[in-house]
Amino acid sequence: SAPQRMEIEAIRLYAISKLGWIKE
């Protein structure tokens, strides 16, 4: 869930930074 002002590319970079946590 992301703020409406947040660009999709910024959300993508955020998700990539959390991939280890997600997979765990």
PDBML (XML) file of the C-alpha atoms, coordinates in Angstrom:
<?xml version="1.0" encoding="UTF-8" ?>
<PDBx:datablock datablockName="MODEL"
   xmlns:PDBx="http://pdbml.pdb.org/schema/pdbx-v50.xsd"
   xmlns:xsi="http://www.w3.org/2001/XMLSchema-instance"
   xsi:schemaLocation="http://pdbml.pdb.org/schema/pdbx-v50.xsd pdbx-v50.xsd">
   <PDBx:atom_siteCategory>
      <PDBx:atom_site id="1">
         <PDBx:B_iso_or_equiv>0.00</PDBx:B_iso_or_equiv>
         <PDBx:Cartn_x>0.000</PDBx:Cartn_x>
         <PDBx:Cartn_y>0.000</PDBx:Cartn_y>
         <PDBx:Cartn_z>0.000</PDBx:Cartn_z>
         <PDBx:auth_asym_id>A</PDBx:auth_asym_id>
         <PDBx:auth_atom_id>CA</PDBx:auth_atom_id>
         <PDBx:auth_comp_id>SER</PDBx:auth_comp_id>
         <PDBx:auth_seq_id>1</PDBx:auth_seq_id>
         <PDBx:group_PDB>ATOM</PDBx:group_PDB>
         <PDBx:label_alt_id xsi:nil="true" />
         <PDBx:label_asym_id>A</PDBx:label_asym_id>
         <PDBx:label_atom_id>CA</PDBx:label_atom_id>
         <PDBx:label_comp_id>SER</PDBx:label_comp_id>
         <PDBx:label_entity_id>1</PDBx:label_entity_id>
         <PDBx:label_seq_id>1</PDBx:label_seq_id>
         <PDBx:occupancy>1.00</PDBx:occupancy>
         <PDBx:pdbx_PDB_model_num>1</PDBx:pdbx_PDB_model_num>
         <PDBx:type_symbol>C</PDBx:type_symbol>
      </PDBx:atom_site>
      <PDBx:atom_site id="2">
         <PDBx:B_iso_or_equiv>0.00</PDBx:B_iso_or_equiv>
         <PDBx:Cartn_x>1.687</PDBx:Cartn_x>
         <PDBx:Cartn_y>3.204</PDBx:Cartn_y>
         <PDBx:Cartn_z>-1.176</PDBx:Cartn_z>
         <PDBx:auth_asym_id>A</PDBx:auth_asym_id>
         <PDBx:auth_atom_id>CA</PDBx:auth_atom_id>
         <PDBx:auth_comp_id>ALA</PDBx:auth_comp_id>
         <PDBx:auth_seq_id>2</PDBx:auth_seq_id>
         <PDBx:group_PDB>ATOM</PDBx:group_PDB>
         <PDBx:label_alt_id xsi:nil="true" />
         <PDBx:label_asym_id>A</PDBx:label_asym_id>
         <PDBx:label_atom_id>CA</PDBx:label_atom_id>
         <PDBx:label_comp_id>ALA</PDBx:label_comp_id>
         <PDBx:label_entity_id>1</PDBx:label_entity_id>
         <PDBx:label_seq_id>2</PDBx:label_seq_id>
         <PDBx:occupancy>1.00</PDBx:occupancy>
         <PDBx:pdbx_PDB_model_num>1</PDBx:pdbx_PDB_model_num>
         <PDBx:type_symbol>C</PDBx:type_symbol>
      </PDBx:atom_site>
      <PDBx:atom_site id="3">
         <PDBx:B_iso_or_equiv>0.00</PDBx:B_iso_or_equiv>
         <PDBx:Cartn_x>0.908</PDBx:Cartn_x>
         <PDBx:Cartn_y>6.943</PDBx:Cartn_y>
         <PDBx:Cartn_z>-0.958</PDBx:Cartn_z>
         <PDBx:auth_asym_id>A</PDBx:auth_asym_id>
         <PDBx:auth_atom_id>CA</PDBx:auth_atom_id>
         <PDBx:auth_comp_id>PRO</PDBx:auth_comp_id>
         <PDBx:auth_seq_id>3</PDBx:auth_seq_id>
         <PDBx:group_PDB>ATOM</PDBx:group_PDB>
         <PDBx:label_alt_id xsi:nil="true" />
         <PDBx:label_asym_id>A</PDBx:label_asym_id>
         <PDBx:label_atom_id>CA</PDBx:label_atom_id>
         <PDBx:label_comp_id>PRO</PDBx:label_comp_id>
         <PDBx:label_entity_id>1</PDBx:label_entity_id>
         <PDBx:label_seq_id>3</PDBx:label_seq_id>
         <PDBx:occupancy>1.00</PDBx:occupancy>
         <PDBx:pdbx_PDB_model_num>1</PDBx:pdbx_PDB_model_num>
         <PDBx:type_symbol>C</PDBx:type_symbol>
      </PDBx:atom_site>
      <PDBx:atom_site id="4">
         <PDBx:B_iso_or_equiv>0.00</PDBx:B_iso_or_equiv>
         <PDBx:Cartn_x>-0.866</PDBx:Cartn_x>
         <PDBx:Cartn_y>8.238</PDBx:Cartn_y>
         <PDBx:Cartn_z>-4.044</PDBx:Cartn_z>
         <PDBx:auth_asym_id>A</PDBx:auth_asym_id>
         <PDBx:auth_atom_id>CA</PDBx:auth_atom_id>
         <PDBx:auth_comp_id>GLN</PDBx:auth_comp_id>
         <PDBx:auth_seq_id>4</PDBx:auth_seq_id>
         <PDBx:group_PDB>ATOM</PDBx:group_PDB>
         <PDBx:label_alt_id xsi:nil="true" />
         <PDBx:label_asym_id>A</PDBx:label_asym_id>
         <PDBx:label_atom_id>CA</PDBx:label_atom_id>
         <PDBx:label_comp_id>GLN</PDBx:label_comp_id>
         <PDBx:label_entity_id>1</PDBx:label_entity_id>
         <PDBx:label_seq_id>4</PDBx:label_seq_id>
         <PDBx:occupancy>1.00</PDBx:occupancy>
         <PDBx:pdbx_PDB_model_num>1</PDBx:pdbx_PDB_model_num>
         <PDBx:type_symbol>C</PDBx:type_symbol>
      </PDBx:atom_site>
      <PDBx:atom_site id="5">
         <PDBx:B_iso_or_equiv>0.00</PDBx:B_iso_or_equiv>
         <PDBx:Cartn_x>1.955</PDBx:Cartn_x>
         <PDBx:Cartn_y>10.695</PDBx:Cartn_y>
         <PDBx:Cartn_z>-4.712</PDBx:Cartn_z>
         <PDBx:auth_asym_id>A</PDBx:auth_asym_id>
         <PDBx:auth_atom_id>CA</PDBx:auth_atom_id>
         <PDBx:auth_comp_id>ARG</PDBx:auth_comp_id>
         <PDBx:auth_seq_id>5</PDBx:auth_seq_id>
         <PDBx:group_PDB>ATOM</PDBx:group_PDB>
         <PDBx:label_alt_id xsi:nil="true" />
         <PDBx:label_asym_id>A</PDBx:label_asym_id>
         <PDBx:label_atom_id>CA</PDBx:label_atom_id>
         <PDBx:label_comp_id>ARG</PDBx:label_comp_id>
         <PDBx:label_entity_id>1</PDBx:label_entity_id>
         <PDBx:label_seq_id>5</PDBx:label_seq_id>
         <PDBx:occupancy>1.00</PDBx:occupancy>
         <PDBx:pdbx_PDB_model_num>1</PDBx:pdbx_PDB_model_num>
         <PDBx:type_symbol>C</PDBx:type_symbol>
      </PDBx:atom_site>
      <PDBx:atom_site id="6">
         <PDBx:B_iso_or_equiv>0.00</PDBx:B_iso_or_equiv>
         <PDBx:Cartn_x>4.583</PDBx:Cartn_x>
         <PDBx:Cartn_y>7.915</PDBx:Cartn_y>
         <PDBx:Cartn_z>-4.897</PDBx:Cartn_z>
         <PDBx:auth_asym_id>A</PDBx:auth_asym_id>
         <PDBx:auth_atom_id>CA</PDBx:auth_atom_id>
         <PDBx:auth_comp_id>MET</PDBx:auth_comp_id>
         <PDBx:auth_seq_id>6</PDBx:auth_seq_id>
         <PDBx:group_PDB>ATOM</PDBx:group_PDB>
         <PDBx:label_alt_id xsi:nil="true" />
         <PDBx:label_asym_id>A</PDBx:label_asym_id>
         <PDBx:label_atom_id>CA</PDBx:label_atom_id>
         <PDBx:label_comp_id>MET</PDBx:label_comp_id>
         <PDBx:label_entity_id>1</PDBx:label_entity_id>
         <PDBx:label_seq_id>6</PDBx:label_seq_id>
         <PDBx:occupancy>1.00</PDBx:occupancy>
         <PDBx:pdbx_PDB_model_num>1</PDBx:pdbx_PDB_model_num>
         <PDBx:type_symbol>C</PDBx:type_symbol>
      </PDBx:atom_site>
      <PDBx:atom_site id="7">
         <PDBx:B_iso_or_equiv>0.00</PDBx:B_iso_or_equiv>
         <PDBx:Cartn_x>5.808</PDBx:Cartn_x>
         <PDBx:Cartn_y>7.058</PDBx:Cartn_y>
         <PDBx:Cartn_z>-8.402</PDBx:Cartn_z>
         <PDBx:auth_asym_id>A</PDBx:auth_asym_id>
         <PDBx:auth_atom_id>CA</PDBx:auth_atom_id>
         <PDBx:auth_comp_id>GLU</PDBx:auth_comp_id>
         <PDBx:auth_seq_id>7</PDBx:auth_seq_id>
         <PDBx:group_PDB>ATOM</PDBx:group_PDB>
         <PDBx:label_alt_id xsi:nil="true" />
         <PDBx:label_asym_id>A</PDBx:label_asym_id>
         <PDBx:label_atom_id>CA</PDBx:label_atom_id>
         <PDBx:label_comp_id>GLU</PDBx:label_comp_id>
         <PDBx:label_entity_id>1</PDBx:label_entity_id>
         <PDBx:label_seq_id>7</PDBx:label_seq_id>
         <PDBx:occupancy>1.00</PDBx:occupancy>
         <PDBx:pdbx_PDB_model_num>1</PDBx:pdbx_PDB_model_num>
         <PDBx:type_symbol>C</PDBx:type_symbol>
      </PDBx:atom_site>
      <PDBx:atom_site id="8">
         <PDBx:B_iso_or_equiv>0.00</PDBx:B_iso_or_equiv>
         <PDBx:Cartn_x>5.630</PDBx:Cartn_x>
         <PDBx:Cartn_y>3.426</PDBx:Cartn_y>
         <PDBx:Cartn_z>-9.520</PDBx:Cartn_z>
         <PDBx:auth_asym_id>A</PDBx:auth_asym_id>
         <PDBx:auth_atom_id>CA</PDBx:auth_atom_id>
         <PDBx:auth_comp_id>ILE</PDBx:auth_comp_id>
         <PDBx:auth_seq_id>8</PDBx:auth_seq_id>
         <PDBx:group_PDB>ATOM</PDBx:group_PDB>
         <PDBx:label_alt_id xsi:nil="true" />
         <PDBx:label_asym_id>A</PDBx:label_asym_id>
         <PDBx:label_atom_id>CA</PDBx:label_atom_id>
         <PDBx:label_comp_id>ILE</PDBx:label_comp_id>
         <PDBx:label_entity_id>1</PDBx:label_entity_id>
         <PDBx:label_seq_id>8</PDBx:label_seq_id>
         <PDBx:occupancy>1.00</PDBx:occupancy>
         <PDBx:pdbx_PDB_model_num>1</PDBx:pdbx_PDB_model_num>
         <PDBx:type_symbol>C</PDBx:type_symbol>
      </PDBx:atom_site>
      <PDBx:atom_site id="9">
         <PDBx:B_iso_or_equiv>0.00</PDBx:B_iso_or_equiv>
         <PDBx:Cartn_x>9.381</PDBx:Cartn_x>
         <PDBx:Cartn_y>3.300</PDBx:Cartn_y>
         <PDBx:Cartn_z>-10.138</PDBx:Cartn_z>
         <PDBx:auth_asym_id>A</PDBx:auth_asym_id>
         <PDBx:auth_atom_id>CA</PDBx:auth_atom_id>
         <PDBx:auth_comp_id>GLU</PDBx:auth_comp_id>
         <PDBx:auth_seq_id>9</PDBx:auth_seq_id>
         <PDBx:group_PDB>ATOM</PDBx:group_PDB>
         <PDBx:label_alt_id xsi:nil="true" />
         <PDBx:label_asym_id>A</PDBx:label_asym_id>
         <PDBx:label_atom_id>CA</PDBx:label_atom_id>
         <PDBx:label_comp_id>GLU</PDBx:label_comp_id>
         <PDBx:label_entity_id>1</PDBx:label_entity_id>
         <PDBx:label_seq_id>9</PDBx:label_seq_id>
         <PDBx:occupancy>1.00</PDBx:occupancy>
         <PDBx:pdbx_PDB_model_num>1</PDBx:pdbx_PDB_model_num>
         <PDBx:type_symbol>C</PDBx:type_symbol>
      </PDBx:atom_site>
      <PDBx:atom_site id="10">
         <PDBx:B_iso_or_equiv>0.00</PDBx:B_iso_or_equiv>
         <PDBx:Cartn_x>10.048</PDBx:Cartn_x>
         <PDBx:Cartn_y>4.393</PDBx:Cartn_y>
         <PDBx:Cartn_z>-6.556</PDBx:Cartn_z>
         <PDBx:auth_asym_id>A</PDBx:auth_asym_id>
         <PDBx:auth_atom_id>CA</PDBx:auth_atom_id>
         <PDBx:auth_comp_id>ALA</PDBx:auth_comp_id>
         <PDBx:auth_seq_id>10</PDBx:auth_seq_id>
         <PDBx:group_PDB>ATOM</PDBx:group_PDB>
         <PDBx:label_alt_id xsi:nil="true" />
         <PDBx:label_asym_id>A</PDBx:label_asym_id>
         <PDBx:label_atom_id>CA</PDBx:label_atom_id>
         <PDBx:label_comp_id>ALA</PDBx:label_comp_id>
         <PDBx:label_entity_id>1</PDBx:label_entity_id>
         <PDBx:label_seq_id>10</PDBx:label_seq_id>
         <PDBx:occupancy>1.00</PDBx:occupancy>
         <PDBx:pdbx_PDB_model_num>1</PDBx:pdbx_PDB_model_num>
         <PDBx:type_symbol>C</PDBx:type_symbol>
      </PDBx:atom_site>
      <PDBx:atom_site id="11">
         <PDBx:B_iso_or_equiv>0.00</PDBx:B_iso_or_equiv>
         <PDBx:Cartn_x>7.689</PDBx:Cartn_x>
         <PDBx:Cartn_y>1.651</PDBx:Cartn_y>
         <PDBx:Cartn_z>-5.373</PDBx:Cartn_z>
         <PDBx:auth_asym_id>A</PDBx:auth_asym_id>
         <PDBx:auth_atom_id>CA</PDBx:auth_atom_id>
         <PDBx:auth_comp_id>ILE</PDBx:auth_comp_id>
         <PDBx:auth_seq_id>11</PDBx:auth_seq_id>
         <PDBx:group_PDB>ATOM</PDBx:group_PDB>
         <PDBx:label_alt_id xsi:nil="true" />
         <PDBx:label_asym_id>A</PDBx:label_asym_id>
         <PDBx:label_atom_id>CA</PDBx:label_atom_id>
         <PDBx:label_comp_id>ILE</PDBx:label_comp_id>
         <PDBx:label_entity_id>1</PDBx:label_entity_id>
         <PDBx:label_seq_id>11</PDBx:label_seq_id>
         <PDBx:occupancy>1.00</PDBx:occupancy>
         <PDBx:pdbx_PDB_model_num>1</PDBx:pdbx_PDB_model_num>
         <PDBx:type_symbol>C</PDBx:type_symbol>
      </PDBx:atom_site>
      <PDBx:atom_site id="12">
         <PDBx:B_iso_or_equiv>0.00</PDBx:B_iso_or_equiv>
         <PDBx:Cartn_x>9.554</PDBx:Cartn_x>
         <PDBx:Cartn_y>-0.873</PDBx:Cartn_y>
         <PDBx:Cartn_z>-7.542</PDBx:Cartn_z>
         <PDBx:auth_asym_id>A</PDBx:auth_asym_id>
         <PDBx:auth_atom_id>CA</PDBx:auth_atom_id>
         <PDBx:auth_comp_id>ARG</PDBx:auth_comp_id>
         <PDBx:auth_seq_id>12</PDBx:auth_seq_id>
         <PDBx:group_PDB>ATOM</PDBx:group_PDB>
         <PDBx:label_alt_id xsi:nil="true" />
         <PDBx:label_asym_id>A</PDBx:label_asym_id>
         <PDBx:label_atom_id>CA</PDBx:label_atom_id>
         <PDBx:label_comp_id>ARG</PDBx:label_comp_id>
         <PDBx:label_entity_id>1</PDBx:label_entity_id>
         <PDBx:label_seq_id>12</PDBx:label_seq_id>
         <PDBx:occupancy>1.00</PDBx:occupancy>
         <PDBx:pdbx_PDB_model_num>1</PDBx:pdbx_PDB_model_num>
         <PDBx:type_symbol>C</PDBx:type_symbol>
      </PDBx:atom_site>
      <PDBx:atom_site id="13">
         <PDBx:B_iso_or_equiv>0.00</PDBx:B_iso_or_equiv>
         <PDBx:Cartn_x>12.908</PDBx:Cartn_x>
         <PDBx:Cartn_y>0.136</PDBx:Cartn_y>
         <PDBx:Cartn_z>-6.006</PDBx:Cartn_z>
         <PDBx:auth_asym_id>A</PDBx:auth_asym_id>
         <PDBx:auth_atom_id>CA</PDBx:auth_atom_id>
         <PDBx:auth_comp_id>LEU</PDBx:auth_comp_id>
         <PDBx:auth_seq_id>13</PDBx:auth_seq_id>
         <PDBx:group_PDB>ATOM</PDBx:group_PDB>
         <PDBx:label_alt_id xsi:nil="true" />
         <PDBx:label_asym_id>A</PDBx:label_asym_id>
         <PDBx:label_atom_id>CA</PDBx:label_atom_id>
         <PDBx:label_comp_id>LEU</PDBx:label_comp_id>
         <PDBx:label_entity_id>1</PDBx:label_entity_id>
         <PDBx:label_seq_id>13</PDBx:label_seq_id>
         <PDBx:occupancy>1.00</PDBx:occupancy>
         <PDBx:pdbx_PDB_model_num>1</PDBx:pdbx_PDB_model_num>
         <PDBx:type_symbol>C</PDBx:type_symbol>
      </PDBx:atom_site>
      <PDBx:atom_site id="14">
         <PDBx:B_iso_or_equiv>0.00</PDBx:B_iso_or_equiv>
         <PDBx:Cartn_x>11.397</PDBx:Cartn_x>
         <PDBx:Cartn_y>-0.130</PDBx:Cartn_y>
         <PDBx:Cartn_z>-2.532</PDBx:Cartn_z>
         <PDBx:auth_asym_id>A</PDBx:auth_asym_id>
         <PDBx:auth_atom_id>CA</PDBx:auth_atom_id>
         <PDBx:auth_comp_id>TYR</PDBx:auth_comp_id>
         <PDBx:auth_seq_id>14</PDBx:auth_seq_id>
         <PDBx:group_PDB>ATOM</PDBx:group_PDB>
         <PDBx:label_alt_id xsi:nil="true" />
         <PDBx:label_asym_id>A</PDBx:label_asym_id>
         <PDBx:label_atom_id>CA</PDBx:label_atom_id>
         <PDBx:label_comp_id>TYR</PDBx:label_comp_id>
         <PDBx:label_entity_id>1</PDBx:label_entity_id>
         <PDBx:label_seq_id>14</PDBx:label_seq_id>
         <PDBx:occupancy>1.00</PDBx:occupancy>
         <PDBx:pdbx_PDB_model_num>1</PDBx:pdbx_PDB_model_num>
         <PDBx:type_symbol>C</PDBx:type_symbol>
      </PDBx:atom_site>
      <PDBx:atom_site id="15">
         <PDBx:B_iso_or_equiv>0.00</PDBx:B_iso_or_equiv>
         <PDBx:Cartn_x>10.077</PDBx:Cartn_x>
         <PDBx:Cartn_y>-3.640</PDBx:Cartn_y>
         <PDBx:Cartn_z>-3.284</PDBx:Cartn_z>
         <PDBx:auth_asym_id>A</PDBx:auth_asym_id>
         <PDBx:auth_atom_id>CA</PDBx:auth_atom_id>
         <PDBx:auth_comp_id>ALA</PDBx:auth_comp_id>
         <PDBx:auth_seq_id>15</PDBx:auth_seq_id>
         <PDBx:group_PDB>ATOM</PDBx:group_PDB>
         <PDBx:label_alt_id xsi:nil="true" />
         <PDBx:label_asym_id>A</PDBx:label_asym_id>
         <PDBx:label_atom_id>CA</PDBx:label_atom_id>
         <PDBx:label_comp_id>ALA</PDBx:label_comp_id>
         <PDBx:label_entity_id>1</PDBx:label_entity_id>
         <PDBx:label_seq_id>15</PDBx:label_seq_id>
         <PDBx:occupancy>1.00</PDBx:occupancy>
         <PDBx:pdbx_PDB_model_num>1</PDBx:pdbx_PDB_model_num>
         <PDBx:type_symbol>C</PDBx:type_symbol>
      </PDBx:atom_site>
      <PDBx:atom_site id="16">
         <PDBx:B_iso_or_equiv>0.00</PDBx:B_iso_or_equiv>
         <PDBx:Cartn_x>13.455</PDBx:Cartn_x>
         <PDBx:Cartn_y>-4.721</PDBx:Cartn_y>
         <PDBx:Cartn_z>-4.676</PDBx:Cartn_z>
         <PDBx:auth_asym_id>A</PDBx:auth_asym_id>
         <PDBx:auth_atom_id>CA</PDBx:auth_atom_id>
         <PDBx:auth_comp_id>ILE</PDBx:auth_comp_id>
         <PDBx:auth_seq_id>16</PDBx:auth_seq_id>
         <PDBx:group_PDB>ATOM</PDBx:group_PDB>
         <PDBx:label_alt_id xsi:nil="true" />
         <PDBx:label_asym_id>A</PDBx:label_asym_id>
         <PDBx:label_atom_id>CA</PDBx:label_atom_id>
         <PDBx:label_comp_id>ILE</PDBx:label_comp_id>
         <PDBx:label_entity_id>1</PDBx:label_entity_id>
         <PDBx:label_seq_id>16</PDBx:label_seq_id>
         <PDBx:occupancy>1.00</PDBx:occupancy>
         <PDBx:pdbx_PDB_model_num>1</PDBx:pdbx_PDB_model_num>
         <PDBx:type_symbol>C</PDBx:type_symbol>
      </PDBx:atom_site>
      <PDBx:atom_site id="17">
         <PDBx:B_iso_or_equiv>0.00</PDBx:B_iso_or_equiv>
         <PDBx:Cartn_x>15.148</PDBx:Cartn_x>
         <PDBx:Cartn_y>-3.550</PDBx:Cartn_y>
         <PDBx:Cartn_z>-1.477</PDBx:Cartn_z>
         <PDBx:auth_asym_id>A</PDBx:auth_asym_id>
         <PDBx:auth_atom_id>CA</PDBx:auth_atom_id>
         <PDBx:auth_comp_id>SER</PDBx:auth_comp_id>
         <PDBx:auth_seq_id>17</PDBx:auth_seq_id>
         <PDBx:group_PDB>ATOM</PDBx:group_PDB>
         <PDBx:label_alt_id xsi:nil="true" />
         <PDBx:label_asym_id>A</PDBx:label_asym_id>
         <PDBx:label_atom_id>CA</PDBx:label_atom_id>
         <PDBx:label_comp_id>SER</PDBx:label_comp_id>
         <PDBx:label_entity_id>1</PDBx:label_entity_id>
         <PDBx:label_seq_id>17</PDBx:label_seq_id>
         <PDBx:occupancy>1.00</PDBx:occupancy>
         <PDBx:pdbx_PDB_model_num>1</PDBx:pdbx_PDB_model_num>
         <PDBx:type_symbol>C</PDBx:type_symbol>
      </PDBx:atom_site>
      <PDBx:atom_site id="18">
         <PDBx:B_iso_or_equiv>0.00</PDBx:B_iso_or_equiv>
         <PDBx:Cartn_x>12.784</PDBx:Cartn_x>
         <PDBx:Cartn_y>-5.786</PDBx:Cartn_y>
         <PDBx:Cartn_z>0.503</PDBx:Cartn_z>
         <PDBx:auth_asym_id>A</PDBx:auth_asym_id>
         <PDBx:auth_atom_id>CA</PDBx:auth_atom_id>
         <PDBx:auth_comp_id>LYS</PDBx:auth_comp_id>
         <PDBx:auth_seq_id>18</PDBx:auth_seq_id>
         <PDBx:group_PDB>ATOM</PDBx:group_PDB>
         <PDBx:label_alt_id xsi:nil="true" />
         <PDBx:label_asym_id>A</PDBx:label_asym_id>
         <PDBx:label_atom_id>CA</PDBx:label_atom_id>
         <PDBx:label_comp_id>LYS</PDBx:label_comp_id>
         <PDBx:label_entity_id>1</PDBx:label_entity_id>
         <PDBx:label_seq_id>18</PDBx:label_seq_id>
         <PDBx:occupancy>1.00</PDBx:occupancy>
         <PDBx:pdbx_PDB_model_num>1</PDBx:pdbx_PDB_model_num>
         <PDBx:type_symbol>C</PDBx:type_symbol>
      </PDBx:atom_site>
      <PDBx:atom_site id="19">
         <PDBx:B_iso_or_equiv>0.00</PDBx:B_iso_or_equiv>
         <PDBx:Cartn_x>13.085</PDBx:Cartn_x>
         <PDBx:Cartn_y>-8.927</PDBx:Cartn_y>
         <PDBx:Cartn_z>-1.658</PDBx:Cartn_z>
         <PDBx:auth_asym_id>A</PDBx:auth_asym_id>
         <PDBx:auth_atom_id>CA</PDBx:auth_atom_id>
         <PDBx:auth_comp_id>LEU</PDBx:auth_comp_id>
         <PDBx:auth_seq_id>19</PDBx:auth_seq_id>
         <PDBx:group_PDB>ATOM</PDBx:group_PDB>
         <PDBx:label_alt_id xsi:nil="true" />
         <PDBx:label_asym_id>A</PDBx:label_asym_id>
         <PDBx:label_atom_id>CA</PDBx:label_atom_id>
         <PDBx:label_comp_id>LEU</PDBx:label_comp_id>
         <PDBx:label_entity_id>1</PDBx:label_entity_id>
         <PDBx:label_seq_id>19</PDBx:label_seq_id>
         <PDBx:occupancy>1.00</PDBx:occupancy>
         <PDBx:pdbx_PDB_model_num>1</PDBx:pdbx_PDB_model_num>
         <PDBx:type_symbol>C</PDBx:type_symbol>
      </PDBx:atom_site>
      <PDBx:atom_site id="20">
         <PDBx:B_iso_or_equiv>0.00</PDBx:B_iso_or_equiv>
         <PDBx:Cartn_x>15.165</PDBx:Cartn_x>
         <PDBx:Cartn_y>-10.797</PDBx:Cartn_y>
         <PDBx:Cartn_z>0.923</PDBx:Cartn_z>
         <PDBx:auth_asym_id>A</PDBx:auth_asym_id>
         <PDBx:auth_atom_id>CA</PDBx:auth_atom_id>
         <PDBx:auth_comp_id>GLY</PDBx:auth_comp_id>
         <PDBx:auth_seq_id>20</PDBx:auth_seq_id>
         <PDBx:group_PDB>ATOM</PDBx:group_PDB>
         <PDBx:label_alt_id xsi:nil="true" />
         <PDBx:label_asym_id>A</PDBx:label_asym_id>
         <PDBx:label_atom_id>CA</PDBx:label_atom_id>
         <PDBx:label_comp_id>GLY</PDBx:label_comp_id>
         <PDBx:label_entity_id>1</PDBx:label_entity_id>
         <PDBx:label_seq_id>20</PDBx:label_seq_id>
         <PDBx:occupancy>1.00</PDBx:occupancy>
         <PDBx:pdbx_PDB_model_num>1</PDBx:pdbx_PDB_model_num>
         <PDBx:type_symbol>C</PDBx:type_symbol>
      </PDBx:atom_site>
      <PDBx:atom_site id="21">
         <PDBx:B_iso_or_equiv>0.00</PDBx:B_iso_or_equiv>
         <PDBx:Cartn_x>12.569</PDBx:Cartn_x>
         <PDBx:Cartn_y>-10.139</PDBx:Cartn_y>
         <PDBx:Cartn_z>3.635</PDBx:Cartn_z>
         <PDBx:auth_asym_id>A</PDBx:auth_asym_id>
         <PDBx:auth_atom_id>CA</PDBx:auth_atom_id>
         <PDBx:auth_comp_id>TRP</PDBx:auth_comp_id>
         <PDBx:auth_seq_id>21</PDBx:auth_seq_id>
         <PDBx:group_PDB>ATOM</PDBx:group_PDB>
         <PDBx:label_alt_id xsi:nil="true" />
         <PDBx:label_asym_id>A</PDBx:label_asym_id>
         <PDBx:label_atom_id>CA</PDBx:label_atom_id>
         <PDBx:label_comp_id>TRP</PDBx:label_comp_id>
         <PDBx:label_entity_id>1</PDBx:label_entity_id>
         <PDBx:label_seq_id>21</PDBx:label_seq_id>
         <PDBx:occupancy>1.00</PDBx:occupancy>
         <PDBx:pdbx_PDB_model_num>1</PDBx:pdbx_PDB_model_num>
         <PDBx:type_symbol>C</PDBx:type_symbol>
      </PDBx:atom_site>
      <PDBx:atom_site id="22">
         <PDBx:B_iso_or_equiv>0.00</PDBx:B_iso_or_equiv>
         <PDBx:Cartn_x>9.722</PDBx:Cartn_x>
         <PDBx:Cartn_y>-11.078</PDBx:Cartn_y>
         <PDBx:Cartn_z>1.274</PDBx:Cartn_z>
         <PDBx:auth_asym_id>A</PDBx:auth_asym_id>
         <PDBx:auth_atom_id>CA</PDBx:auth_atom_id>
         <PDBx:auth_comp_id>ILE</PDBx:auth_comp_id>
         <PDBx:auth_seq_id>22</PDBx:auth_seq_id>
         <PDBx:group_PDB>ATOM</PDBx:group_PDB>
         <PDBx:label_alt_id xsi:nil="true" />
         <PDBx:label_asym_id>A</PDBx:label_asym_id>
         <PDBx:label_atom_id>CA</PDBx:label_atom_id>
         <PDBx:label_comp_id>ILE</PDBx:label_comp_id>
         <PDBx:label_entity_id>1</PDBx:label_entity_id>
         <PDBx:label_seq_id>22</PDBx:label_seq_id>
         <PDBx:occupancy>1.00</PDBx:occupancy>
         <PDBx:pdbx_PDB_model_num>1</PDBx:pdbx_PDB_model_num>
         <PDBx:type_symbol>C</PDBx:type_symbol>
      </PDBx:atom_site>
      <PDBx:atom_site id="23">
         <PDBx:B_iso_or_equiv>0.00</PDBx:B_iso_or_equiv>
         <PDBx:Cartn_x>11.284</PDBx:Cartn_x>
         <PDBx:Cartn_y>-14.409</PDBx:Cartn_y>
         <PDBx:Cartn_z>0.236</PDBx:Cartn_z>
         <PDBx:auth_asym_id>A</PDBx:auth_asym_id>
         <PDBx:auth_atom_id>CA</PDBx:auth_atom_id>
         <PDBx:auth_comp_id>LYS</PDBx:auth_comp_id>
         <PDBx:auth_seq_id>23</PDBx:auth_seq_id>
         <PDBx:group_PDB>ATOM</PDBx:group_PDB>
         <PDBx:label_alt_id xsi:nil="true" />
         <PDBx:label_asym_id>A</PDBx:label_asym_id>
         <PDBx:label_atom_id>CA</PDBx:label_atom_id>
         <PDBx:label_comp_id>LYS</PDBx:label_comp_id>
         <PDBx:label_entity_id>1</PDBx:label_entity_id>
         <PDBx:label_seq_id>23</PDBx:label_seq_id>
         <PDBx:occupancy>1.00</PDBx:occupancy>
         <PDBx:pdbx_PDB_model_num>1</PDBx:pdbx_PDB_model_num>
         <PDBx:type_symbol>C</PDBx:type_symbol>
      </PDBx:atom_site>
      <PDBx:atom_site id="24">
         <PDBx:B_iso_or_equiv>0.00</PDBx:B_iso_or_equiv>
         <PDBx:Cartn_x>12.089</PDBx:Cartn_x>
         <PDBx:Cartn_y>-15.310</PDBx:Cartn_y>
         <PDBx:Cartn_z>3.848</PDBx:Cartn_z>
         <PDBx:auth_asym_id>A</PDBx:auth_asym_id>
         <PDBx:auth_atom_id>CA</PDBx:auth_atom_id>
         <PDBx:auth_comp_id>GLU</PDBx:auth_comp_id>
         <PDBx:auth_seq_id>24</PDBx:auth_seq_id>
         <PDBx:group_PDB>ATOM</PDBx:group_PDB>
         <PDBx:label_alt_id xsi:nil="true" />
         <PDBx:label_asym_id>A</PDBx:label_asym_id>
         <PDBx:label_atom_id>CA</PDBx:label_atom_id>
         <PDBx:label_comp_id>GLU</PDBx:label_comp_id>
         <PDBx:label_entity_id>1</PDBx:label_entity_id>
         <PDBx:label_seq_id>24</PDBx:label_seq_id>
         <PDBx:occupancy>1.00</PDBx:occupancy>
         <PDBx:pdbx_PDB_model_num>1</PDBx:pdbx_PDB_model_num>
         <PDBx:type_symbol>C</PDBx:type_symbol>
      </PDBx:atom_site>
   </PDBx:atom_siteCategory>
</PDBx:datablock>
